[in-house]
């Protein structure tokens, strides 16, 4: 009986002691999740820190930033000690979170490389009661200065709906730069000159933007520092023609079957004039969708000038509709809709050969709603040309073209009422007036003379 009692006493002491020793000598280091907005520390910078320890609980956290011999403690926190029975105590802290501001300028640190150190320890008895320790160093770059930009080109004259070119130099790598026109950003690209620090940015005013539109060069580095630089410019205003298109029942019966709108077709069933309602949907909502599709394509561009000289127009063709015409659509004498025509319609003979207006690479060959069978050619630096309503396409995406290469035949696909070519010029994501690009004098004054002038500066 005495042995049984002694055994029970021993077990009553040994088992809890063994459990406490097992618990207090646990070997799992604390877990740490640190989020840096970027590796570049700018003037306004915050890092987030989440720490946890499922075992003996948190003991100490130290976060610091170090540059050479200059170390600044950003966060230091000690947690109350855990008792032997802390496994069953509310005093133990198992997790915590922090938002830590980093203001390197206040610490006397300069732009350049630095190290963020993070140390977290728990209350384990391992390491002679030093605990399990999580330790990490993260390299960062202190960058508080905005990029430097110098505008190299001059005499930026542009009109409503027109194109322009700005040439500028950057003094820092890994910078996103370009031209802001109102709320629209036109990216700049290196590659026009041997000096890769010199950038070229074609930009444009759309048909709604005239005198008073704000324009400037903008640059933003990896740290988020940004700068704006104005450039001398003059904006000429321009008036556009008005045009009236009469929509007949014959036109509706001829064209509406070409458009398969899937389930949307059912919404027109039972209406007083289903074909007219379908036309209004196509001329409104589908037009907007198709325009957005077309204008997204020129983002596939290269930093290389693939064109030379003036752009050509369809040979022997008459102009049937002008760029930015304000169109009014009438049905039986009543106005039913309005739209802006952002191209020039050129009519020759049926199935006339359509040639590339200038050198470039094919970046789209497909049918796009109201535009019908279409080809888009990239001419480099975000400049592109569009050829629509084609009856036949004879090139493929990726083909490299010279000026005058045949790309297809005119037709009446899409919303065209008769055989013609719809021709547009695009700068990045804006339709611009093609007449400028057909004019060798305009090209010389606004593009090539600027390029030649800057070439003499960057040799």
Protein backbone atom coordinates (compact mmCIF):
# COMPACT_ATOMS: atom_id res chain seq x y z
CA UNK A 1 0.00 0.00 0.00
CA UNK A 2 2.85 2.35 0.87
CA UNK A 3 4.48 1.73 -2.54
CA UNK A 4 1.23 2.54 -4.31
CA UNK A 5 0.92 5.82 -2.40
CA UNK A 6 4.53 6.76 -3.18
CA UNK A 7 3.99 5.90 -6.82
CA UNK A 8 0.88 8.05 -7.00
CA UNK A 9 2.70 10.94 -5.29
CA UNK A 10 5.61 10.59 -7.70
CA UNK A 11 3.30 10.57 -10.68
CA UNK A 12 1.37 13.54 -9.30
CA UNK A 13 4.62 15.51 -9.16
CA UNK A 14 6.50 14.08 -12.15
CA UNK A 15 3.78 14.33 -14.77
CA UNK A 16 3.01 18.06 -14.24
CA UNK A 17 6.74 18.77 -13.91
CA UNK A 18 7.44 16.92 -17.14
CA UNK A 19 4.62 18.79 -18.85
CA UNK A 20 5.89 22.15 -17.59
CA UNK A 21 9.44 21.36 -18.69
CA UNK A 22 8.15 20.20 -22.10
CA UNK A 23 6.06 23.34 -22.46
CA UNK A 24 8.71 25.79 -21.23
CA UNK A 25 11.40 24.24 -23.44
CA UNK A 26 9.29 24.34 -26.60
CA UNK A 27 11.45 25.06 -29.65
CA UNK A 28 9.21 26.92 -32.11
CA UNK A 29 10.34 30.48 -32.85
CA UNK A 30 7.74 33.24 -33.02
CA UNK A 31 6.06 33.82 -36.38
CA UNK A 32 6.46 37.22 -38.00
CA UNK A 33 4.72 38.72 -41.03
CA UNK A 34 6.14 42.01 -42.20
CA UNK A 35 4.71 44.05 -45.07
CA UNK A 36 6.78 46.74 -46.74
CA UNK A 37 4.88 48.95 -49.24
CA UNK A 38 8.00 48.63 -51.41
CA UNK A 39 11.74 48.25 -51.02
CA UNK A 40 12.02 51.99 -51.55
CA UNK A 41 11.54 54.23 -48.52
CA UNK A 42 10.15 57.62 -49.41
CA UNK A 43 9.11 60.59 -47.28
CA UNK A 44 5.82 59.01 -46.24
CA UNK A 45 6.34 55.33 -45.46
CA UNK A 46 4.70 52.83 -43.10
CA UNK A 47 5.50 49.17 -42.56
CA UNK A 48 3.08 46.72 -40.96
CA UNK A 49 4.15 43.98 -38.55
CA UNK A 50 2.15 41.00 -37.27
CA UNK A 51 3.82 38.78 -34.63
CA UNK A 52 2.57 35.65 -32.90
CA UNK A 53 3.82 32.84 -30.66
CA UNK A 54 1.50 29.94 -29.87
CA UNK A 55 3.78 28.51 -27.21
CA UNK A 56 5.21 30.41 -24.25
CA UNK A 57 4.13 33.79 -25.55
CA UNK A 58 5.88 36.95 -26.72
CA UNK A 59 8.80 38.30 -24.70
CA UNK A 60 10.34 41.14 -26.72
CA UNK A 61 10.16 42.87 -30.10
CA UNK A 62 12.81 45.20 -31.51
CA UNK A 63 12.57 46.80 -34.96
CA UNK A 64 15.29 49.15 -36.19
CA UNK A 65 16.67 50.71 -39.34
CA UNK A 66 20.43 50.80 -39.94
CA UNK A 67 22.53 52.77 -42.41
CA UNK A 68 26.27 52.30 -41.94
CA UNK A 69 26.91 53.09 -38.23
CA UNK A 70 23.64 54.96 -37.75
CA UNK A 71 20.94 52.76 -36.20
CA UNK A 72 17.52 54.03 -35.16
CA UNK A 73 15.12 51.91 -33.12
CA UNK A 74 11.65 52.18 -34.63
CA UNK A 75 9.88 49.90 -32.17
CA UNK A 76 10.88 48.24 -28.89
CA UNK A 77 8.34 46.45 -26.75
CA UNK A 78 8.76 44.12 -23.74
CA UNK A 79 5.90 41.88 -22.63
CA UNK A 80 5.25 40.87 -19.01
CA UNK A 81 7.02 37.67 -17.95
CA UNK A 82 5.06 34.49 -18.09
CA UNK A 83 4.92 32.38 -14.92
CA UNK A 84 5.54 28.65 -14.76
CA UNK A 85 1.82 28.10 -15.06
CA UNK A 86 1.40 30.73 -17.76
CA UNK A 87 -0.08 28.09 -20.01
CA UNK A 88 -3.26 28.60 -18.03
CA UNK A 89 -2.87 32.38 -17.50
CA UNK A 90 -4.41 35.32 -19.31
CA UNK A 91 -1.18 37.28 -18.70
CA UNK A 92 0.55 35.59 -21.61
CA UNK A 93 0.51 37.56 -24.91
CA UNK A 94 0.44 35.34 -27.99
CA UNK A 95 0.03 37.90 -30.79
CA UNK A 96 0.32 41.59 -31.57
CA UNK A 97 0.18 43.93 -34.57
CA UNK A 98 1.83 47.24 -35.38
CA UNK A 99 1.90 49.98 -38.00
CA UNK A 100 5.39 51.49 -37.87
CA UNK A 101 6.15 54.85 -39.51
CA UNK A 102 9.62 55.13 -41.04
CA UNK A 103 10.91 58.69 -41.36
CA UNK A 104 14.50 58.21 -42.45
CA UNK A 105 15.21 61.92 -42.92
CA UNK A 106 14.50 62.57 -39.24
CA UNK A 107 17.06 59.94 -38.31
CA UNK A 108 19.86 61.73 -40.17
CA UNK A 109 19.95 59.14 -42.92
CA UNK A 110 20.72 59.88 -46.55
CA UNK A 111 19.30 58.48 -49.76
CA UNK A 112 20.84 55.09 -50.45
CA UNK A 113 20.81 51.51 -49.15
CA UNK A 114 19.76 50.67 -45.58
CA UNK A 115 18.71 47.63 -43.55
CA UNK A 116 15.54 47.01 -41.55
CA UNK A 117 16.20 44.64 -38.62
CA UNK A 118 13.47 42.70 -36.86
CA UNK A 119 13.99 40.61 -33.72
CA UNK A 120 11.22 38.80 -31.85
CA UNK A 121 11.83 36.51 -28.82
CA UNK A 122 9.49 34.34 -26.76
CA UNK A 123 9.49 33.09 -23.15
CA UNK A 124 10.86 29.64 -23.87
CA UNK A 125 13.61 28.42 -21.48
CA UNK A 126 15.74 27.43 -24.44
CA UNK A 127 19.06 29.20 -24.96
CA UNK A 128 19.60 29.57 -21.21
CA UNK A 129 16.27 31.32 -20.86
CA UNK A 130 16.95 33.60 -23.85
CA UNK A 131 13.98 32.06 -25.63
CA UNK A 132 13.39 31.15 -29.23
CA UNK A 133 14.35 34.08 -31.43
CA UNK A 134 13.12 35.17 -34.85
CA UNK A 135 15.63 37.46 -36.58
CA UNK A 136 15.63 38.90 -40.09
CA UNK A 137 17.31 41.73 -41.99
CA UNK A 138 15.63 43.28 -45.02
CA UNK A 139 17.51 45.48 -47.45
CA UNK A 140 15.73 48.69 -48.41
CA UNK A 141 16.60 51.82 -50.34
CA UNK A 142 15.96 55.26 -48.94
CA UNK A 143 14.72 57.45 -51.77
CA UNK A 144 13.12 60.78 -50.90
CA UNK A 145 14.05 62.80 -53.96
CA UNK A 146 11.76 63.09 -57.02
CA UNK A 147 13.19 62.19 -60.44
CA UNK A 148 14.85 64.90 -62.52
CA UNK A 149 13.37 65.71 -65.92
CA UNK A 150 14.62 68.08 -68.61
CA UNK A 151 12.41 68.91 -71.61
CA UNK A 152 14.56 68.97 -74.77
CA UNK A 153 12.03 69.77 -77.51
CA UNK A 154 10.43 73.17 -78.12
CA UNK A 155 7.55 74.82 -80.02
CA UNK A 156 4.76 72.41 -79.14
CA UNK A 157 1.87 73.69 -81.26
CA UNK A 158 -1.22 71.52 -81.22
CA UNK A 159 -4.88 71.92 -82.09
CA UNK A 160 -8.08 70.38 -80.77
CA UNK A 161 -8.06 66.77 -81.96
CA UNK A 162 -4.40 66.97 -82.99
CA UNK A 163 -1.12 65.26 -82.18
CA UNK A 164 2.14 66.40 -80.61
CA UNK A 165 5.59 65.14 -79.64
CA UNK A 166 7.66 65.92 -76.56
CA UNK A 167 11.28 64.82 -76.17
CA UNK A 168 12.84 64.85 -72.70
CA UNK A 169 15.71 63.48 -70.66
CA UNK A 170 15.49 61.48 -67.43
CA UNK A 171 18.35 61.41 -64.93
CA UNK A 172 17.28 58.24 -63.13
CA UNK A 173 16.52 54.67 -64.21
CA UNK A 174 13.33 52.70 -63.50
CA UNK A 175 11.06 55.72 -63.85
CA UNK A 176 7.54 55.71 -65.30
CA UNK A 177 7.18 58.87 -67.34
CA UNK A 178 5.11 60.51 -70.01
CA UNK A 179 2.74 63.37 -70.79
CA UNK A 180 -0.43 64.19 -68.90
CA UNK A 181 -3.11 65.83 -71.07
CA UNK A 182 -6.05 66.62 -68.84
CA UNK A 183 -6.67 63.31 -67.07
CA UNK A 184 -5.10 61.15 -69.79
CA UNK A 185 -1.56 59.75 -69.56
CA UNK A 186 0.58 59.22 -72.66
CA UNK A 187 3.62 57.06 -71.80
CA UNK A 188 7.10 58.03 -72.93
CA UNK A 189 9.50 55.52 -74.47
CA UNK A 190 13.27 55.35 -74.93
CA UNK A 191 14.65 54.07 -78.22
CA UNK A 192 14.37 57.02 -80.58
CA UNK A 193 17.98 57.97 -79.81
CA UNK A 194 21.13 56.04 -78.94
CA UNK A 195 21.05 57.76 -75.57
CA UNK A 196 18.51 55.63 -73.66
CA UNK A 197 18.00 58.41 -71.11
CA UNK A 198 16.21 60.46 -73.79
CA UNK A 199 12.51 59.66 -74.09
CA UNK A 200 9.91 60.37 -76.76
CA UNK A 201 6.21 60.76 -75.98
CA UNK A 202 3.56 61.31 -78.63
CA UNK A 203 0.49 62.90 -77.07
CA UNK A 204 -2.86 64.16 -78.29
CA UNK A 205 -5.88 66.30 -77.61
CA UNK A 206 -9.16 64.53 -78.21
CA UNK A 207 -12.01 66.24 -80.05
CA UNK A 208 -13.36 67.70 -76.80
CA UNK A 209 -10.09 69.27 -75.61
CA UNK A 210 -9.15 72.77 -76.72
CA UNK A 211 -7.38 75.85 -75.35
CA UNK A 212 -6.94 75.73 -71.60
CA UNK A 213 -6.28 71.99 -71.44
CA UNK A 214 -3.50 71.31 -68.93
CA UNK A 215 -0.42 69.50 -70.24
CA UNK A 216 2.86 68.61 -68.55
CA UNK A 217 5.61 65.99 -68.38
CA UNK A 218 5.31 63.70 -65.38
CA UNK A 219 7.74 61.16 -63.93
CA UNK A 220 7.39 58.76 -61.01
CA UNK A 221 10.14 56.57 -59.53
CA UNK A 222 9.87 53.20 -57.79
CA UNK A 223 9.66 54.89 -54.40
CA UNK A 224 6.56 56.78 -55.52
CA UNK A 225 8.29 60.16 -55.69
CA UNK A 226 6.87 62.16 -58.58
CA UNK A 227 7.59 65.37 -60.43
CA UNK A 228 5.79 67.53 -63.00
CA UNK A 229 7.48 69.68 -65.64
CA UNK A 230 5.62 72.09 -67.85
CA UNK A 231 6.59 72.67 -71.46
CA UNK A 232 5.88 75.61 -73.75
CA UNK A 233 2.84 74.91 -75.90
CA UNK A 234 0.11 76.62 -77.83
CA UNK A 235 -3.33 75.10 -78.41
CA UNK A 236 -5.35 76.14 -81.45
CA UNK A 237 -9.08 75.66 -81.40
CA UNK A 238 -10.92 73.94 -84.23
CA UNK A 239 -14.52 73.64 -85.36
CA UNK A 240 -15.89 70.43 -86.79
CA UNK A 241 -18.52 69.80 -89.46
CA UNK A 242 -22.00 68.54 -88.88
CA UNK A 243 -23.52 65.75 -90.91
CA UNK A 244 -26.97 64.19 -91.15
CA UNK A 245 -27.47 60.52 -91.88
CA UNK A 246 -30.95 59.35 -92.81
CA UNK A 247 -31.69 55.83 -91.60
CA UNK A 248 -34.10 54.07 -93.90
CA UNK A 249 -36.04 50.83 -93.46
CA UNK A 250 -34.07 49.46 -96.38
CA UNK A 251 -30.79 50.15 -94.53
CA UNK A 252 -32.11 48.53 -91.34
CA UNK A 253 -33.29 45.44 -93.21
CA UNK A 254 -29.91 45.24 -94.98
CA UNK A 255 -27.52 45.79 -92.05
CA UNK A 256 -29.19 44.67 -88.83
CA UNK A 257 -29.01 40.90 -89.62
CA UNK A 258 -25.20 41.27 -89.75
CA UNK A 259 -25.12 41.85 -85.98
CA UNK A 260 -25.71 38.88 -83.69
CA UNK A 261 -26.36 40.29 -80.23
CA UNK A 262 -27.17 36.92 -78.56
CA UNK A 263 -29.61 37.28 -75.66
CA UNK A 264 -29.92 41.05 -76.19
CA UNK A 265 -31.86 40.29 -79.37
CA UNK A 266 -34.76 39.14 -77.18
CA UNK A 267 -35.16 42.63 -75.71
CA UNK A 268 -36.21 43.98 -79.10
CA UNK A 269 -38.87 41.34 -79.71
CA UNK A 270 -42.36 42.75 -79.47
CA UNK A 271 -41.32 46.39 -79.75
CA UNK A 272 -43.00 48.67 -82.28
CA UNK A 273 -39.87 48.75 -84.46
CA UNK A 274 -37.41 45.98 -83.49
CA UNK A 275 -34.89 46.79 -86.22
CA UNK A 276 -34.75 50.47 -85.26
CA UNK A 277 -34.35 49.60 -81.57
CA UNK A 278 -31.54 47.23 -82.48
CA UNK A 279 -29.85 49.96 -84.51
CA UNK A 280 -30.04 52.39 -81.58
CA UNK A 281 -28.44 49.81 -79.30
CA UNK A 282 -25.67 49.14 -81.83
CA UNK A 283 -25.04 52.83 -82.51
CA UNK A 284 -24.91 53.59 -78.78
CA UNK A 285 -23.82 50.89 -76.34
CA UNK A 286 -22.12 48.61 -78.86
CA UNK A 287 -20.31 51.57 -80.44
CA UNK A 288 -18.91 52.58 -77.05
CA UNK A 289 -17.73 49.03 -76.36
CA UNK A 290 -16.15 48.71 -79.81
CA UNK A 291 -14.36 52.07 -79.52
CA UNK A 292 -12.87 51.00 -76.18
CA UNK A 293 -11.69 47.75 -77.78
CA UNK A 294 -10.01 49.55 -80.67
CA UNK A 295 -8.34 52.14 -78.42
CA UNK A 296 -6.89 49.46 -76.15
CA UNK A 297 -4.88 47.86 -78.96
CA UNK A 298 -2.16 50.53 -79.56
CA UNK A 299 -0.77 49.83 -76.07
CA UNK A 300 0.99 46.97 -77.89
CA UNK A 301 3.73 49.22 -79.24
CA UNK A 302 7.51 49.28 -79.59
CA UNK A 303 10.07 51.95 -78.76
CA UNK A 304 11.17 52.24 -82.36
CA UNK A 305 10.14 54.58 -85.17
CA UNK A 306 8.81 52.19 -87.81
CA UNK A 307 7.51 54.89 -90.18
CA UNK A 308 9.11 57.50 -92.40
CA UNK A 309 7.69 60.53 -94.22
CA UNK A 310 4.05 61.37 -94.62
CA UNK A 311 1.28 58.79 -94.27
CA UNK A 312 -0.55 57.91 -97.48
CA UNK A 313 -4.29 57.79 -98.05
CA UNK A 314 -6.40 55.43 -100.17
CA UNK A 315 -5.38 56.02 -103.79
CA UNK A 316 -7.97 57.70 -106.01
CA UNK A 317 -10.48 57.91 -103.18
CA UNK A 318 -12.98 60.65 -102.47
CA UNK A 319 -13.65 61.84 -98.92
CA UNK A 320 -17.19 60.87 -97.93
CA UNK A 321 -17.06 61.82 -94.26
CA UNK A 322 -14.63 63.94 -92.28
CA UNK A 323 -12.88 63.44 -88.96
CA UNK A 324 -14.89 64.40 -85.87
CA UNK A 325 -18.06 65.06 -87.85
CA UNK A 326 -20.97 65.71 -85.52
CA UNK A 327 -23.44 63.20 -86.89
CA UNK A 328 -27.17 63.43 -86.48
CA UNK A 329 -29.17 60.30 -87.30
CA UNK A 330 -32.73 60.77 -88.57
CA UNK A 331 -35.48 58.25 -89.17
CA UNK A 332 -38.50 59.43 -91.17
CA UNK A 333 -37.49 63.05 -90.63
CA UNK A 334 -37.07 62.77 -86.85
CA UNK A 335 -33.70 62.84 -85.07
CA UNK A 336 -33.18 59.55 -83.25
CA UNK A 337 -29.50 59.59 -82.26
CA UNK A 338 -26.16 61.42 -82.35
CA UNK A 339 -22.53 60.30 -82.57
CA UNK A 340 -19.02 61.59 -83.30
CA UNK A 341 -17.28 60.10 -86.34
CA UNK A 342 -13.64 59.64 -85.30
CA UNK A 343 -12.15 58.72 -88.65
CA UNK A 344 -12.26 59.70 -92.31
CA UNK A 345 -14.37 57.72 -94.80
CA UNK A 346 -12.66 57.23 -98.15
CA UNK A 347 -14.56 55.76 -101.11
CA UNK A 348 -13.02 54.44 -104.31
CA UNK A 349 -14.19 51.48 -106.38
CA UNK A 350 -15.69 48.43 -104.70
CA UNK A 351 -13.08 46.02 -103.32
CA UNK A 352 -10.29 48.55 -103.86
CA UNK A 353 -6.86 47.55 -102.59
CA UNK A 354 -6.06 49.02 -99.17
CA UNK A 355 -2.39 49.66 -98.52
CA UNK A 356 -0.44 50.34 -95.32
CA UNK A 357 -0.25 54.11 -94.86
CA UNK A 358 3.31 53.75 -93.57
CA UNK A 359 5.76 51.19 -92.23
CA UNK A 360 4.85 49.26 -89.12
CA UNK A 361 3.80 45.97 -87.58
CA UNK A 362 0.31 44.49 -87.59
CA UNK A 363 -1.12 44.32 -84.07
CA UNK A 364 -4.77 43.46 -84.82
CA UNK A 365 -6.69 41.69 -87.60
CA UNK A 366 -10.26 40.95 -86.56
CA UNK A 367 -13.90 41.95 -86.83
CA UNK A 368 -14.92 44.55 -84.24
CA UNK A 369 -18.64 45.28 -84.20
CA UNK A 370 -19.52 48.53 -85.94
CA UNK A 371 -16.00 48.77 -87.41
CA UNK A 372 -16.34 45.43 -89.19
CA UNK A 373 -13.20 43.65 -90.42
CA UNK A 374 -10.34 45.82 -89.20
CA UNK A 375 -6.55 46.04 -89.23
CA UNK A 376 -4.45 48.09 -86.81
CA UNK A 377 -0.80 48.83 -87.58
CA UNK A 378 1.65 49.94 -84.89
CA UNK A 379 4.12 52.55 -86.14
CA UNK A 380 6.06 52.76 -82.87
CA UNK A 381 5.93 54.92 -79.75
CA UNK A 382 2.15 54.46 -79.40
CA UNK A 383 1.29 55.75 -82.89
CA UNK A 384 -1.11 53.52 -84.84
CA UNK A 385 -3.37 53.51 -87.90
CA UNK A 386 -6.77 51.81 -88.24
CA UNK A 387 -8.38 50.42 -91.44
CA UNK A 388 -12.02 49.34 -91.07
CA UNK A 389 -15.06 47.97 -92.99
CA UNK A 390 -12.72 45.73 -95.00
CA UNK A 391 -14.24 43.06 -97.20
CA UNK A 392 -11.02 41.04 -97.02
CA UNK A 393 -7.91 41.07 -94.79
CA UNK A 394 -4.68 39.83 -96.39
CA UNK A 395 -2.23 40.22 -93.49
CA UNK A 396 -1.78 38.53 -90.14
CA UNK A 397 -1.03 39.80 -86.67
CA UNK A 398 2.73 40.15 -86.26
CA UNK A 399 3.46 40.88 -89.93
CA UNK A 400 6.03 43.61 -90.54
CA UNK A 401 4.96 45.98 -93.29
CA UNK A 402 6.47 48.61 -95.52
CA UNK A 403 4.57 51.63 -96.71
CA UNK A 404 2.28 50.61 -99.59
CA UNK A 405 1.98 46.91 -98.73
CA UNK A 406 -1.53 45.61 -99.43
CA UNK A 407 -3.38 44.73 -96.22
CA UNK A 408 -6.89 44.05 -97.60
CA UNK A 409 -9.80 45.25 -99.73
CA UNK A 410 -12.43 47.90 -99.04
CA UNK A 411 -15.89 46.67 -98.15
CA UNK A 412 -19.04 47.33 -96.19
CA UNK A 413 -18.64 45.13 -93.10
CA UNK A 414 -19.72 46.51 -89.75
CA UNK A 415 -22.13 49.43 -89.81
CA UNK A 416 -21.07 50.64 -93.26
CA UNK A 417 -23.93 51.40 -95.65
CA UNK A 418 -21.70 51.30 -98.73
CA UNK A 419 -18.27 50.11 -99.83
CA UNK A 420 -15.56 52.38 -98.35
CA UNK A 421 -12.54 52.54 -96.06
CA UNK A 422 -12.83 54.02 -92.58
CA UNK A 423 -9.33 55.31 -91.79
CA UNK A 424 -8.22 56.54 -88.38
CA UNK A 425 -4.98 57.57 -86.72
CA UNK A 426 -4.53 56.80 -83.01
CA UNK A 427 -2.05 58.15 -80.47
CA UNK A 428 -1.92 55.73 -77.54
CA UNK A 429 -5.66 55.68 -76.72
CA UNK A 430 -6.99 58.75 -78.54
CA UNK A 431 -8.30 59.10 -82.08
CA UNK A 432 -6.56 62.03 -83.78
CA UNK A 433 -7.04 63.94 -87.02
CA UNK A 434 -5.47 61.89 -89.87
CA UNK A 435 -5.14 64.98 -92.08
CA UNK A 436 -2.11 66.06 -90.04
CA UNK A 437 -0.32 62.78 -90.75
CA UNK A 438 -1.07 63.09 -94.48
CA UNK A 439 0.65 66.49 -94.55
CA UNK A 440 4.47 66.39 -95.04
CA UNK A 441 4.82 70.01 -93.90
CA UNK A 442 2.98 69.32 -90.65
CA UNK A 443 5.12 66.22 -90.00
CA UNK A 444 8.32 68.17 -90.62
CA UNK A 445 7.34 71.09 -88.37
CA UNK A 446 5.89 69.06 -85.53
CA UNK A 447 7.80 65.78 -85.52
CA UNK A 448 10.91 65.30 -87.64
CA UNK A 449 12.43 68.76 -87.09
CA UNK A 450 12.19 68.23 -83.32
CA UNK A 451 13.88 64.85 -83.61
CA UNK A 452 16.70 66.29 -85.72
CA UNK A 453 17.18 69.23 -83.33
CA UNK A 454 17.47 66.93 -80.30
CA UNK A 455 19.86 64.61 -82.14
CA UNK A 456 22.38 67.46 -82.23
CA UNK A 457 22.05 67.81 -78.43
CA UNK A 458 22.52 64.19 -77.48
CA UNK A 459 25.45 63.18 -79.68
